[in-house]
Amino acid sequence: MFQVQGEWQRNVGSEGDQPGQFNNPNGLALTSDEDFLLVADARNHRVAVLRALDGAWVRQLTGPPGTLPNPYRITVASSGEVLVSDIDRHQVVRFRSIDEDIVVGTLGTGLGSGPTQFNNPLGLVVLDRPVCCFHLPLNSAIFVFLLDHIFTHDSTQEGSVAVIADC
């Protein structure tokens, strides 16, 4: 962990599969109050929730078995909803909050290049709450979603934006 000025403070965690350990940590996100740090822990198939102040383990988000085979990127909406891109399932998994290991839905219908299919959803970011977008370079597309709809911008057709599915 580093201070805002870039000064190193401490390491957080070690390699392994126990609480406080990581195996291929990929994405990081802070809650809007900056109290919690979330880590997409790919090979442990979970999102680790840590106290941002000291890196102490709080809990994990996994959902039902098989929900997160390869979590890659993560973001937290101002509502507290946690969104995790999974590059094996080719979906974005939506958790209710950092406090509850409850999946409230998914975005995407799996691997493919169709209008509701994703191919390795890599980037995931909340732009202007509650708007979120993610980049699918293998689909040549950027997907944007609101609370109740998904929109897509196909980078091969300049300026095209269309509703493609309800969340």
Foldseek 3Di string as FASTA:
>chain_A
DADPVGHDDDDWADDDQDFRHADPWAEWEAQPVRQWIWTQRFCNQWIWIAGNVPNHTDDIARAPPPPANGWHYWYAFNQQWIWTQHQVFQKIWIDNHPVDNHTPDIFADGDDLDPRHAHRFHAWDCDDPPKIWTDGVVNCKIWIDHQFWIWIDRNVDPPDIDTDDTD
